[in-house]
Every structure is written in structure tokens, then in C-alpha cells.
PDB file of N, CA and C in Angstrom:
ATOM      1  N   ARG A   1    -104.006  78.072 101.085  1.00  0.00           N
ATOM      2  CA  ARG A   1    -102.756  78.191 100.349  1.00  0.00           C
ATOM      3  C   ARG A   1    -101.602  78.226 101.345  1.00  0.00           C
ATOM      4  N   ARG A   2    -100.617  77.365 101.097  1.00  0.00           N
ATOM      5  CA  ARG A   2     -99.451  77.321 101.987  1.00  0.00           C
ATOM      6  C   ARG A   2     -98.342  78.192 101.437  1.00  0.00           C
ATOM      7  N   ASP A   3     -97.582  78.786 102.351  1.00  0.00           N
ATOM      8  CA  ASP A   3     -96.416  79.569 101.915  1.00  0.00           C
ATOM      9  C   ASP A   3     -95.375  78.617 101.334  1.00  0.00           C
ATOM     10  N   ARG A   4     -94.681  79.099 100.327  1.00  0.00           N
ATOM     11  CA  ARG A   4     -93.655  78.285  99.688  1.00  0.00           C
ATOM     12  C   ARG A   4     -92.476  78.112 100.647  1.00  0.00           C
ATOM     13  N   VAL A   5     -92.051  76.877 100.846  1.00  0.00           N
ATOM     14  CA  VAL A   5     -90.919  76.600 101.720  1.00  0.00           C
ATOM     15  C   VAL A   5     -89.641  76.702 100.891  1.00  0.00           C
ATOM     16  N   LEU A   6     -88.643  77.327 101.467  1.00  0.00           N
ATOM     17  CA  LEU A   6     -87.370  77.509 100.788  1.00  0.00           C
ATOM     18  C   LEU A   6     -86.584  76.201 100.839  1.00  0.00           C
ATOM     19  N   THR A   7     -86.386  75.580  99.687  1.00  0.00           N
ATOM     20  CA  THR A   7     -85.665  74.308  99.659  1.00  0.00           C
ATOM     21  C   THR A   7     -84.438  74.344  98.760  1.00  0.00           C
ATOM     22  N   ILE A   8     -84.309  75.377  97.939  1.00  0.00           N
ATOM     23  CA  ILE A   8     -83.146  75.470  97.062  1.00  0.00           C
ATOM     24  C   ILE A   8     -81.973  75.999  97.880  1.00  0.00           C
ATOM     25  N   PRO A   9     -80.864  75.244  97.944  1.00  0.00           N
ATOM     26  CA  PRO A   9     -79.728  75.705  98.742  1.00  0.00           C
ATOM     27  C   PRO A   9     -79.032  76.900  98.102  1.00  0.00           C
ATOM     28  N   PRO A  10     -78.370  77.706  98.916  1.00  0.00           N
ATOM     29  CA  PRO A  10     -77.609  78.837  98.363  1.00  0.00           C
ATOM     30  C   PRO A  10     -76.385  78.319  97.604  1.00  0.00           C
ATOM     31  N   ALA A  11     -75.795  79.189  96.811  1.00  0.00           N
ATOM     32  CA  ALA A  11     -74.567  78.851  96.081  1.00  0.00           C
ATOM     33  C   ALA A  11     -73.481  79.818  96.519  1.00  0.00           C
ATOM     34  N   THR A  12     -72.307  79.293  96.790  1.00  0.00           N
ATOM     35  CA  THR A  12     -71.179  80.113  97.225  1.00  0.00           C
ATOM     36  C   THR A  12     -70.106  80.092  96.142  1.00  0.00           C
ATOM     37  N   ARG A  13     -69.461  81.230  95.953  1.00  0.00           N
ATOM     38  CA  ARG A  13     -68.388  81.378  94.975  1.00  0.00           C
ATOM     39  C   ARG A  13     -67.187  81.985  95.669  1.00  0.00           C
ATOM     40  N   ILE A  14     -66.008  81.376  95.503  1.00  0.00           N
ATOM     41  CA  ILE A  14     -64.766  81.944  96.040  1.00  0.00           C
ATOM     42  C   ILE A  14     -64.300  82.988  95.036  1.00  0.00           C
ATOM     43  N   THR A  15     -64.139  84.241  95.491  1.00  0.00           N
ATOM     44  CA  THR A  15     -63.838  85.334  94.567  1.00  0.00           C
ATOM     45  C   THR A  15     -62.398  85.838  94.638  1.00  0.00           C
ATOM     46  N   GLN A  16     -61.687  85.561  95.722  1.00  0.00           N
ATOM     47  CA  GLN A  16     -60.282  85.976  95.813  1.00  0.00           C
ATOM     48  C   GLN A  16     -59.486  84.885  96.507  1.00  0.00           C
ATOM     49  N   THR A  17     -58.330  84.535  95.921  1.00  0.00           N
ATOM     50  CA  THR A  17     -57.522  83.425  96.414  1.00  0.00           C
ATOM     51  C   THR A  17     -56.039  83.776  96.329  1.00  0.00           C
ATOM     52  N   PRO A  18     -55.198  83.001  97.045  1.00  0.00           N
ATOM     53  CA  PRO A  18     -53.762  83.137  96.816  1.00  0.00           C
ATOM     54  C   PRO A  18     -53.425  82.408  95.502  1.00  0.00           C
ATOM     55  N   GLY A  19     -52.162  82.446  95.081  1.00  0.00           N
ATOM     56  CA  GLY A  19     -51.754  81.706  93.887  1.00  0.00           C
ATOM     57  C   GLY A  19     -51.811  80.206  94.135  1.00  0.00           C
ATOM     58  N   LYS A  20     -51.654  79.430  93.077  1.00  0.00           N
ATOM     59  CA  LYS A  20     -51.666  77.964  93.207  1.00  0.00           C
ATOM     60  C   LYS A  20     -50.412  77.430  93.881  1.00  0.00           C
ATOM     61  N   LEU A  21     -49.284  78.138  93.704  1.00  0.00           N
ATOM     62  CA  LEU A  21     -48.016  77.759  94.335  1.00  0.00           C
ATOM     63  C   LEU A  21     -47.482  79.011  95.018  1.00  0.00           C
ATOM     64  N   ILE A  22     -47.443  78.987  96.352  1.00  0.00           N
ATOM     65  CA  ILE A  22     -47.074  80.187  97.106  1.00  0.00           C
ATOM     66  C   ILE A  22     -45.904  79.904  98.054  1.00  0.00           C
ATOM     67  N   ASN A  23     -45.223  80.995  98.477  1.00  0.00           N
ATOM     68  CA  ASN A  23     -44.146  80.844  99.458  1.00  0.00           C
ATOM     69  C   ASN A  23     -44.366  81.757 100.671  1.00  0.00           C
ATOM     70  N   GLN A  24     -45.554  82.352 100.759  1.00  0.00           N
ATOM     71  CA  GLN A  24     -45.901  83.204 101.908  1.00  0.00           C
ATOM     72  C   GLN A  24     -46.897  82.465 102.806  1.00  0.00           C
ATOM     73  N   ARG A  25     -46.673  82.506 104.114  1.00  0.00           N
ATOM     74  CA  ARG A  25     -47.528  81.764 105.047  1.00  0.00           C
ATOM     75  C   ARG A  25     -48.891  82.415 105.286  1.00  0.00           C
ATOM     76  N   LYS A  26     -48.981  83.739 105.092  1.00  0.00           N
ATOM     77  CA  LYS A  26     -50.246  84.442 105.342  1.00  0.00           C
ATOM     78  C   LYS A  26     -51.046  84.484 104.042  1.00  0.00           C
ATOM     79  N   ILE A  27     -52.278  83.939 104.072  1.00  0.00           N
ATOM     80  CA  ILE A  27     -53.098  83.873 102.861  1.00  0.00           C
ATOM     81  C   ILE A  27     -54.446  84.546 103.100  1.00  0.00           C
ATOM     82  N   TYR A  28     -55.063  84.979 102.004  1.00  0.00           N
ATOM     83  CA  TYR A  28     -56.325  85.718 102.080  1.00  0.00           C
ATOM     84  C   TYR A  28     -57.333  85.109 101.111  1.00  0.00           C
ATOM     85  N   PHE A  29     -58.555  84.892 101.599  1.00  0.00           N
ATOM     86  CA  PHE A  29     -59.649  84.407 100.763  1.00  0.00           C
ATOM     87  C   PHE A  29     -60.846  85.327 100.909  1.00  0.00           C
ATOM     88  N   GLU A  30     -61.606  85.461  99.830  1.00  0.00           N
ATOM     89  CA  GLU A  30     -62.855  86.217  99.827  1.00  0.00           C
ATOM     90  C   GLU A  30     -63.894  85.386  99.085  1.00  0.00           C
ATOM     91  N   TRP A  31     -65.171  85.517  99.485  1.00  0.00           N
ATOM     92  CA  TRP A  31     -66.228  84.751  98.831  1.00  0.00           C
ATOM     93  C   TRP A  31     -67.537  85.520  98.861  1.00  0.00           C
ATOM     94  N   THR A  32     -68.499  85.026  98.100  1.00  0.00           N
ATOM     95  CA  THR A  32     -69.833  85.611  98.063  1.00  0.00           C
ATOM     96  C   THR A  32     -70.843  84.485  97.878  1.00  0.00           C
ATOM     97  N   GLY A  33     -72.077  84.759  98.259  1.00  0.00           N
ATOM     98  CA  GLY A  33     -73.116  83.748  98.107  1.00  0.00           C
ATOM     99  C   GLY A  33     -74.319  84.299  97.370  1.00  0.00           C
ATOM    100  N   GLU A  34     -75.137  83.406  96.854  1.00  0.00           N
ATOM    101  CA  GLU A  34     -76.382  83.783  96.179  1.00  0.00           C
ATOM    102  C   GLU A  34     -77.458  82.817  96.631  1.00  0.00           C
ATOM    103  N   ASP A  35     -78.677  83.319  96.717  1.00  0.00           N
ATOM    104  CA  ASP A  35     -79.797  82.472  97.108  1.00  0.00           C
ATOM    105  C   ASP A  35     -81.049  82.980  96.408  1.00  0.00           C
ATOM    106  N   ASP A  36     -81.994  82.090  96.155  1.00  0.00           N
ATOM    107  CA  ASP A  36     -83.201  82.499  95.420  1.00  0.00           C
ATOM    108  C   ASP A  36     -84.163  83.320  96.284  1.00  0.00           C
ATOM    109  N   GLN A  37     -84.090  83.193  97.618  1.00  0.00           N
ATOM    110  CA  GLN A  37     -85.016  83.945  98.464  1.00  0.00           C
ATOM    111  C   GLN A  37     -84.344  84.747  99.569  1.00  0.00           C
ATOM    112  N   THR A  38     -83.331  84.173 100.203  1.00  0.00           N
ATOM    113  CA  THR A  38     -82.656  84.873 101.298  1.00  0.00           C
ATOM    114  C   THR A  38     -81.780  85.995 100.734  1.00  0.00           C
ATOM    115  N   PRO A  39     -81.920  87.237 101.249  1.00  0.00           N
ATOM    116  CA  PRO A  39     -81.029  88.316 100.796  1.00  0.00           C
ATOM    117  C   PRO A  39     -79.567  87.945 101.067  1.00  0.00           C
ATOM    118  N   VAL A  40     -78.687  88.303 100.150  1.00  0.00           N
ATOM    119  CA  VAL A  40     -77.261  87.974 100.282  1.00  0.00           C
ATOM    120  C   VAL A  40     -76.710  88.440 101.627  1.00  0.00           C
ATOM    121  N   SER A  41     -77.151  89.604 102.099  1.00  0.00           N
ATOM    122  CA  SER A  41     -76.642  90.142 103.366  1.00  0.00           C
ATOM    123  C   SER A  41     -77.049  89.285 104.574  1.00  0.00           C
ATOM    124  N   GLU A  42     -77.997  88.361 104.385  1.00  0.00           N
ATOM    125  CA  GLU A  42     -78.461  87.533 105.503  1.00  0.00           C
ATOM    126  C   GLU A  42     -77.956  86.089 105.414  1.00  0.00           C
ATOM    127  N   LEU A  43     -77.121  85.785 104.433  1.00  0.00           N
ATOM    128  CA  LEU A  43     -76.547  84.441 104.350  1.00  0.00           C
ATOM    129  C   LEU A  43     -75.437  84.291 105.379  1.00  0.00           C
ATOM    130  N   LEU A  44     -75.340  83.113 105.951  1.00  0.00           N
ATOM    131  CA  LEU A  44     -74.273  82.795 106.897  1.00  0.00           C
ATOM    132  C   LEU A  44     -73.254  81.912 106.188  1.00  0.00           C
ATOM    133  N   TYR A  45     -71.987  82.019 106.575  1.00  0.00           N
ATOM    134  CA  TYR A  45     -70.930  81.255 105.917  1.00  0.00           C
ATOM    135  C   TYR A  45     -70.080  80.508 106.932  1.00  0.00           C
ATOM    136  N   SER A  46     -69.526  79.406 106.467  1.00  0.00           N
ATOM    137  CA  SER A  46     -68.592  78.617 107.248  1.00  0.00           C
ATOM    138  C   SER A  46     -67.486  78.175 106.290  1.00  0.00           C
ATOM    139  N   TYR A  47     -66.242  78.132 106.766  1.00  0.00           N
ATOM    140  CA  TYR A  47     -65.122  77.728 105.905  1.00  0.00           C
ATOM    141  C   TYR A  47     -64.242  76.737 106.650  1.00  0.00           C
ATOM    142  N   ARG A  48     -63.379  76.087 105.888  1.00  0.00           N
ATOM    143  CA  ARG A  48     -62.405  75.184 106.514  1.00  0.00           C
ATOM    144  C   ARG A  48     -61.196  75.018 105.608  1.00  0.00           C
ATOM    145  N   LEU A  49     -60.109  74.581 106.211  1.00  0.00           N
ATOM    146  CA  LEU A  49     -58.870  74.290 105.506  1.00  0.00           C
ATOM    147  C   LEU A  49     -58.627  72.794 105.645  1.00  0.00           C
ATOM    148  N   ASN A  50     -58.412  72.120 104.528  1.00  0.00           N
ATOM    149  CA  ASN A  50     -58.233  70.672 104.484  1.00  0.00           C
ATOM    150  C   ASN A  50     -59.439  69.996 105.144  1.00  0.00           C
ATOM    151  N   GLN A  51     -59.209  69.062 106.028  1.00  0.00           N
ATOM    152  CA  GLN A  51     -60.334  68.361 106.657  1.00  0.00           C
ATOM    153  C   GLN A  51     -60.586  68.819 108.093  1.00  0.00           C
ATOM    154  N   GLU A  52     -60.122  70.033 108.420  1.00  0.00           N
ATOM    155  CA  GLU A  52     -60.382  70.570 109.759  1.00  0.00           C
ATOM    156  C   GLU A  52     -61.884  70.765 109.921  1.00  0.00           C
ATOM    157  N   PRO A  53     -62.366  70.924 111.159  1.00  0.00           N
ATOM    158  CA  PRO A  53     -63.797  71.194 111.350  1.00  0.00           C
ATOM    159  C   PRO A  53     -64.182  72.533 110.711  1.00  0.00           C
ATOM    160  N   TRP A  54     -65.441  72.649 110.278  1.00  0.00           N
ATOM    161  CA  TRP A  54     -65.947  73.902 109.702  1.00  0.00           C
ATOM    162  C   TRP A  54     -65.923  74.994 110.760  1.00  0.00           C
ATOM    163  N   SER A  55     -65.655  76.215 110.355  1.00  0.00           N
ATOM    164  CA  SER A  55     -65.656  77.359 111.278  1.00  0.00           C
ATOM    165  C   SER A  55     -67.087  77.622 111.733  1.00  0.00           C
ATOM    166  N   ALA A  56     -67.232  78.410 112.798  1.00  0.00           N
ATOM    167  CA  ALA A  56     -68.563  78.807 113.262  1.00  0.00           C
ATOM    168  C   ALA A  56     -69.233  79.636 112.163  1.00  0.00           C
ATOM    169  N   LEU A  57     -70.545  79.502 112.018  1.00  0.00           N
ATOM    170  CA  LEU A  57     -71.280  80.290 111.025  1.00  0.00           C
ATOM    171  C   LEU A  57     -71.211  81.769 111.353  1.00  0.00           C
ATOM    172  N   SER A  58     -70.998  82.595 110.319  1.00  0.00           N
ATOM    173  CA  SER A  58     -70.966  84.041 110.518  1.00  0.00           C
ATOM    174  C   SER A  58     -71.299  84.737 109.199  1.00  0.00           C
ATOM    175  N   PHE A  59     -71.474  86.053 109.261  1.00  0.00           N
ATOM    176  CA  PHE A  59     -71.763  86.840 108.064  1.00  0.00           C
ATOM    177  C   PHE A  59     -70.479  87.219 107.318  1.00  0.00           C
ATOM    178  N   THR A  60     -69.320  86.842 107.872  1.00  0.00           N
ATOM    179  CA  THR A  60     -68.020  87.189 107.301  1.00  0.00           C
ATOM    180  C   THR A  60     -67.870  86.632 105.891  1.00  0.00           C
ATOM    181  N   THR A  61     -67.320  87.451 104.979  1.00  0.00           N
ATOM    182  CA  THR A  61     -67.101  87.008 103.600  1.00  0.00           C
ATOM    183  C   THR A  61     -65.620  87.050 103.208  1.00  0.00           C
ATOM    184  N   ASN A  62     -64.718  87.021 104.205  1.00  0.00           N
ATOM    185  CA  ASN A  62     -63.288  86.936 103.916  1.00  0.00           C
ATOM    186  C   ASN A  62     -62.555  86.437 105.155  1.00  0.00           C
ATOM    187  N   VAL A  63     -61.338  85.961 104.951  1.00  0.00           N
ATOM    188  CA  VAL A  63     -60.537  85.469 106.073  1.00  0.00           C
ATOM    189  C   VAL A  63     -59.056  85.557 105.707  1.00  0.00           C
ATOM    190  N   ILE A  64     -58.234  85.833 106.726  1.00  0.00           N
ATOM    191  CA  ILE A  64     -56.786  85.756 106.595  1.00  0.00           C
ATOM    192  C   ILE A  64     -56.355  84.574 107.458  1.00  0.00           C
ATOM    193  N   ILE A  65     -55.602  83.675 106.870  1.00  0.00           N
ATOM    194  CA  ILE A  65     -55.152  82.472 107.581  1.00  0.00           C
ATOM    195  C   ILE A  65     -53.630  82.455 107.542  1.00  0.00           C
ATOM    196  N   THR A  66     -53.001  82.105 108.667  1.00  0.00           N
ATOM    197  CA  THR A  66     -51.554  81.918 108.705  1.00  0.00           C
ATOM    198  C   THR A  66     -51.276  80.419 108.720  1.00  0.00           C
ATOM    199  N   LEU A  67     -50.574  79.958 107.706  1.00  0.00           N
ATOM    200  CA  LEU A  67     -50.264  78.531 107.577  1.00  0.00           C
ATOM    201  C   LEU A  67     -49.009  78.203 108.375  1.00  0.00           C
ATOM    202  N   ILE A  68     -48.990  77.031 108.987  1.00  0.00           N
ATOM    203  CA  ILE A  68     -47.856  76.610 109.815  1.00  0.00           C
ATOM    204  C   ILE A  68     -46.863  75.785 108.989  1.00  0.00           C
ATOM    205  N   ASN A  69     -47.380  74.812 108.244  1.00  0.00           N
ATOM    206  CA  ASN A  69     -46.511  73.866 107.542  1.00  0.00           C
ATOM    207  C   ASN A  69     -46.575  74.015 106.027  1.00  0.00           C
ATOM    208  N   ASP A  70     -45.467  73.708 105.375  1.00  0.00           N
ATOM    209  CA  ASP A  70     -45.464  73.623 103.921  1.00  0.00           C
ATOM    210  C   ASP A  70     -46.339  72.441 103.515  1.00  0.00           C
ATOM    211  N   GLY A  71     -46.874  72.508 102.319  1.00  0.00           N
ATOM    212  CA  GLY A  71     -47.629  71.361 101.828  1.00  0.00           C
ATOM    213  C   GLY A  71     -48.826  71.758 100.991  1.00  0.00           C
ATOM    214  N   TYR A  72     -49.656  70.768 100.745  1.00  0.00           N
ATOM    215  CA  TYR A  72     -50.836  70.882  99.895  1.00  0.00           C
ATOM    216  C   TYR A  72     -52.040  71.268 100.767  1.00  0.00           C
ATOM    217  N   TYR A  73     -52.810  72.246 100.341  1.00  0.00           N
ATOM    218  CA  TYR A  73     -53.974  72.711 101.105  1.00  0.00           C
ATOM    219  C   TYR A  73     -55.203  72.805 100.208  1.00  0.00           C
ATOM    220  N   THR A  74     -56.361  72.603 100.814  1.00  0.00           N
ATOM    221  CA  THR A  74     -57.638  72.822 100.132  1.00  0.00           C
ATOM    222  C   THR A  74     -58.520  73.665 101.049  1.00  0.00           C
ATOM    223  N   PHE A  75     -58.966  74.818 100.522  1.00  0.00           N
ATOM    224  CA  PHE A  75     -59.854  75.729 101.249  1.00  0.00           C
ATOM    225  C   PHE A  75     -61.269  75.517 100.716  1.00  0.00           C
ATOM    226  N   SER A  76     -62.243  75.405 101.623  1.00  0.00           N
ATOM    227  CA  SER A  76     -63.654  75.250 101.247  1.00  0.00           C
ATOM    228  C   SER A  76     -64.492  76.268 102.008  1.00  0.00           C
ATOM    229  N   VAL A  77     -65.589  76.693 101.400  1.00  0.00           N
ATOM    230  CA  VAL A  77     -66.517  77.610 102.070  1.00  0.00           C
ATOM    231  C   VAL A  77     -67.924  77.245 101.641  1.00  0.00           C
ATOM    232  N   GLN A  78     -68.880  77.412 102.552  1.00  0.00           N
ATOM    233  CA  GLN A  78     -70.271  77.120 102.208  1.00  0.00           C
ATOM    234  C   GLN A  78     -71.193  78.143 102.846  1.00  0.00           C
ATOM    235  N   ALA A  79     -72.322  78.378 102.190  1.00  0.00           N
ATOM    236  CA  ALA A  79     -73.326  79.323 102.694  1.00  0.00           C
ATOM    237  C   ALA A  79     -74.497  78.544 103.287  1.00  0.00           C
ATOM    238  N   LYS A  80     -75.200  79.215 104.201  1.00  0.00           N
ATOM    239  CA  LYS A  80     -76.407  78.637 104.811  1.00  0.00           C
ATOM    240  C   LYS A  80     -77.482  79.710 104.761  1.00  0.00           C
ATOM    241  N   ASP A  81     -78.684  79.357 104.274  1.00  0.00           N
ATOM    242  CA  ASP A  81     -79.768  80.346 104.176  1.00  0.00           C
ATOM    243  C   ASP A  81     -80.660  80.321 105.417  1.00  0.00           C
ATOM    244  N   GLN A  82     -81.687  81.175 105.406  1.00  0.00           N
ATOM    245  CA  GLN A  82     -82.578  81.318 106.574  1.00  0.00           C
ATOM    246  C   GLN A  82     -83.315  80.031 106.931  1.00  0.00           C
ATOM    247  N   GLU A  83     -83.516  79.156 105.948  1.00  0.00           N
ATOM    248  CA  GLU A  83     -84.226  77.898 106.196  1.00  0.00           C
ATOM    249  C   GLU A  83     -83.285  76.781 106.631  1.00  0.00           C
ATOM    250  N   GLY A  84     -81.984  77.060 106.687  1.00  0.00           N
ATOM    251  CA  GLY A  84     -81.026  76.036 107.109  1.00  0.00           C
ATOM    252  C   GLY A  84     -80.440  75.226 105.967  1.00  0.00           C
ATOM    253  N   ASN A  85     -80.753  75.576 104.719  1.00  0.00           N
ATOM    254  CA  ASN A  85     -80.167  74.879 103.572  1.00  0.00           C
ATOM    255  C   ASN A  85     -78.718  75.324 103.396  1.00  0.00           C
ATOM    256  N   THR A  86     -77.840  74.368 103.088  1.00  0.00           N
ATOM    257  CA  THR A  86     -76.445  74.709 102.791  1.00  0.00           C
ATOM    258  C   THR A  86     -76.102  74.252 101.378  1.00  0.00           C
ATOM    259  N   ASP A  87     -75.009  74.795 100.844  1.00  0.00           N
ATOM    260  CA  ASP A  87     -74.546  74.423  99.504  1.00  0.00           C
ATOM    261  C   ASP A  87     -74.578  72.912  99.324  1.00  0.00           C
ATOM    262  N   ALA A  88     -75.054  72.474  98.176  1.00  0.00           N
ATOM    263  CA  ALA A  88     -75.031  71.042  97.876  1.00  0.00           C
ATOM    264  C   ALA A  88     -73.573  70.578  97.787  1.00  0.00           C
ATOM    265  N   THR A  89     -72.744  71.386  97.152  1.00  0.00           N
ATOM    266  CA  THR A  89     -71.313  71.104  97.037  1.00  0.00           C
ATOM    267  C   THR A  89     -70.561  72.389  97.360  1.00  0.00           C
ATOM    268  N   ALA A  90     -69.819  72.377  98.446  1.00  0.00           N
ATOM    269  CA  ALA A  90     -69.055  73.568  98.829  1.00  0.00           C
ATOM    270  C   ALA A  90     -67.917  73.758  97.828  1.00  0.00           C
ATOM    271  N   PRO A  91     -67.738  74.983  97.288  1.00  0.00           N
ATOM    272  CA  PRO A  91     -66.620  75.203  96.366  1.00  0.00           C
ATOM    273  C   PRO A  91     -65.291  75.040  97.094  1.00  0.00           C
ATOM    274  N   GLU A  92     -64.293  74.566  96.357  1.00  0.00           N
ATOM    275  CA  GLU A  92     -62.969  74.334  96.926  1.00  0.00           C
ATOM    276  C   GLU A  92     -61.906  75.011  96.083  1.00  0.00           C
ATOM    277  N   TYR A  93     -60.796  75.368  96.728  1.00  0.00           N
ATOM    278  CA  TYR A  93     -59.642  75.928  96.031  1.00  0.00           C
ATOM    279  C   TYR A  93     -58.400  75.259  96.620  1.00  0.00           C
ATOM    280  N   SER A  94     -57.587  74.651  95.769  1.00  0.00           N
ATOM    281  CA  SER A  94     -56.384  73.954  96.228  1.00  0.00           C
ATOM    282  C   SER A  94     -55.130  74.731  95.846  1.00  0.00           C
ATOM    283  N   PHE A  95     -54.141  74.666  96.739  1.00  0.00           N
ATOM    284  CA  PHE A  95     -52.880  75.361  96.505  1.00  0.00           C
ATOM    285  C   PHE A  95     -51.777  74.688  97.306  1.00  0.00           C
ATOM    286  N   ILE A  96     -50.534  75.066  97.010  1.00  0.00           N
ATOM    287  CA  ILE A  96     -49.373  74.475  97.681  1.00  0.00           C
ATOM    288  C   ILE A  96     -48.530  75.593  98.294  1.00  0.00           C
ATOM    289  N   LEU A  97     -48.138  75.399  99.566  1.00  0.00           N
ATOM    290  CA  LEU A  97     -47.209  76.309 100.242  1.00  0.00           C
ATOM    291  C   LEU A  97     -45.835  75.654 100.248  1.00  0.00           C
ATOM    292  N   ASP A  98     -44.840  76.347  99.704  1.00  0.00           N
ATOM    293  CA  ASP A  98     -43.460  75.852  99.678  1.00  0.00           C
ATOM    294  C   ASP A  98     -42.546  77.006 100.085  1.00  0.00           C
ATOM    295  N   THR A  99     -42.056  76.978 101.330  1.00  0.00           N
ATOM    296  CA  THR A  99     -41.196  78.064 101.832  1.00  0.00           C
ATOM    297  C   THR A  99     -39.719  77.678 101.840  1.00  0.00           C
ATOM    298  N   THR A 100     -39.387  76.489 101.330  1.00  0.00           N
ATOM    299  CA  THR A 100     -38.000  76.049 101.327  1.00  0.00           C
ATOM    300  C   THR A 100     -37.287  76.585 100.088  1.00  0.00           C
ATOM    301  N   PRO A 101     -36.251  77.420 100.280  1.00  0.00           N
ATOM    302  CA  PRO A 101     -35.535  77.935  99.112  1.00  0.00           C
ATOM    303  C   PRO A 101     -34.784  76.801  98.409  1.00  0.00           C
ATOM    304  N   PRO A 102     -34.666  76.891  97.103  1.00  0.00           N
ATOM    305  CA  PRO A 102     -33.937  75.836  96.388  1.00  0.00           C
ATOM    306  C   PRO A 102     -32.441  75.922  96.682  1.00  0.00           C
ATOM    307  N   ILE A 103     -31.757  74.786  96.553  1.00  0.00           N
ATOM    308  CA  ILE A 103     -30.303  74.752  96.727  1.00  0.00           C
ATOM    309  C   ILE A 103     -29.690  75.028  95.357  1.00  0.00           C
ATOM    310  N   LEU A 104     -28.780  75.977  95.320  1.00  0.00           N
ATOM    311  CA  LEU A 104     -28.132  76.348  94.062  1.00  0.00           C
ATOM    312  C   LEU A 104     -26.718  75.796  94.056  1.00  0.00           C
ATOM    313  N   GLU A 105     -26.424  75.011  93.039  1.00  0.00           N
ATOM    314  CA  GLU A 105     -25.090  74.440  92.926  1.00  0.00           C
ATOM    315  C   GLU A 105     -24.517  74.864  91.581  1.00  0.00           C
ATOM    316  N   ILE A 106     -23.301  75.438  91.603  1.00  0.00           N
ATOM    317  CA  ILE A 106     -22.651  75.872  90.364  1.00  0.00           C
ATOM    318  C   ILE A 106     -21.568  74.850  90.028  1.00  0.00           C
ATOM    319  N   VAL A 107     -21.732  74.227  88.834  1.00  0.00           N
ATOM    320  CA  VAL A 107     -20.780  73.199  88.426  1.00  0.00           C
ATOM    321  C   VAL A 107     -20.271  73.561  87.040  1.00  0.00           C
ATOM    322  N   PRO A 108     -18.993  73.596  86.796  1.00  0.00           N
ATOM    323  CA  PRO A 108     -17.952  73.464  87.803  1.00  0.00           C
ATOM    324  C   PRO A 108     -17.820  74.737  88.623  1.00  0.00           C
ATOM    325  N   PRO A 109     -17.238  74.639  89.827  1.00  0.00           N
ATOM    326  CA  PRO A 109     -17.087  75.851  90.641  1.00  0.00           C
ATOM    327  C   PRO A 109     -16.188  76.863  89.910  1.00  0.00           C
ATOM    328  N   PRO A 110     -16.523  78.152  90.010  1.00  0.00           N
ATOM    329  CA  PRO A 110     -15.707  79.152  89.322  1.00  0.00           C
ATOM    330  C   PRO A 110     -14.313  79.281  89.946  1.00  0.00           C
ATOM    331  N   VAL A 111     -13.357  79.742  89.140  1.00  0.00           N
ATOM    332  CA  VAL A 111     -12.005  79.982  89.669  1.00  0.00           C
ATOM    333  C   VAL A 111     -12.120  81.205  90.574  1.00  0.00           C
ATOM    334  N   GLU A 112     -11.339  81.231  91.633  1.00  0.00           N
ATOM    335  CA  GLU A 112     -11.416  82.344  92.566  1.00  0.00           C
ATOM    336  C   GLU A 112     -11.091  83.650  91.849  1.00  0.00           C
ATOM    337  N   THR A 113     -11.859  84.678  92.186  1.00  0.00           N
ATOM    338  CA  THR A 113     -11.652  85.982  91.546  1.00  0.00           C
ATOM    339  C   THR A 113     -11.977  87.081  92.538  1.00  0.00           C
ATOM    340  N   ASN A 114     -11.465  88.287  92.293  1.00  0.00           N
ATOM    341  CA  ASN A 114     -11.808  89.408  93.150  1.00  0.00           C
ATOM    342  C   ASN A 114     -12.617  90.445  92.370  1.00  0.00           C
ATOM    343  N   LEU A 115     -13.047  90.064  91.152  1.00  0.00           N
ATOM    344  CA  LEU A 115     -13.900  90.955  90.366  1.00  0.00           C
ATOM    345  C   LEU A 115     -15.313  90.928  90.901  1.00  0.00           C
ATOM    346  N   PRO A 116     -16.043  92.050  90.801  1.00  0.00           N
ATOM    347  CA  PRO A 116     -17.419  92.027  91.298  1.00  0.00           C
ATOM    348  C   PRO A 116     -18.311  91.131  90.445  1.00  0.00           C
TER     349      PRO A 116
END
């Protein structure tokens, strides 16, 4: 009798995210994984922003990222089990950073006044 080989990949779920439209550069993500055989505490995770390379595998289940540029972002995370299986499809979360304040124009301009 052969031991059963672990072939079912783990599943990762993103559990905490920033809003879909944000104006703060510092963002926070949290995630968790599940696997049919590997204990959750032994799953390794890797994440990335947009198409950057995946981060080094670690047991970490959260990250704080400081964004440099305004724009559209997609955060992805994936789990890896003891047998080396990774998520078939890494979950993704998309959002937009917009730090440019809107321009306010009052038309017609008010008459000059000294009232508060």
C-alpha cells in the first residue's frame, strides 16, 4: 500500500483589503489559506502587486505596502503546501490610488465680502 500523495493545491482567501478607491499611499492586506492535508500553520505564502515578481515564500499572512504612484493596482497572493502545490488560481484584489485633490471652481465668482 502506497501513502497517498498530496496533489490538491491549497486555497488562499484575501480577508482584509483597502477600499476600491483610495487616497492613502500606505495599504494593508491580510489573507488565510486552507489545505486538505497540510496544517494551515505550515502553509507558505507569496504575494505580488501588479506584475512584479512574487515575494519570497514565508509564513506571513499580512503585509503593509507603501505605494509610490497613483493608478490602478492588483494585489495577488498564493499559498504553497508541504508537497509544493500552489493555488490553481491566485486570488486577486484590484483598487485605484488617487492622491490628486480635485480642482474646485466657483462660477460665477462671488462678490468680494468680509463676512465669514
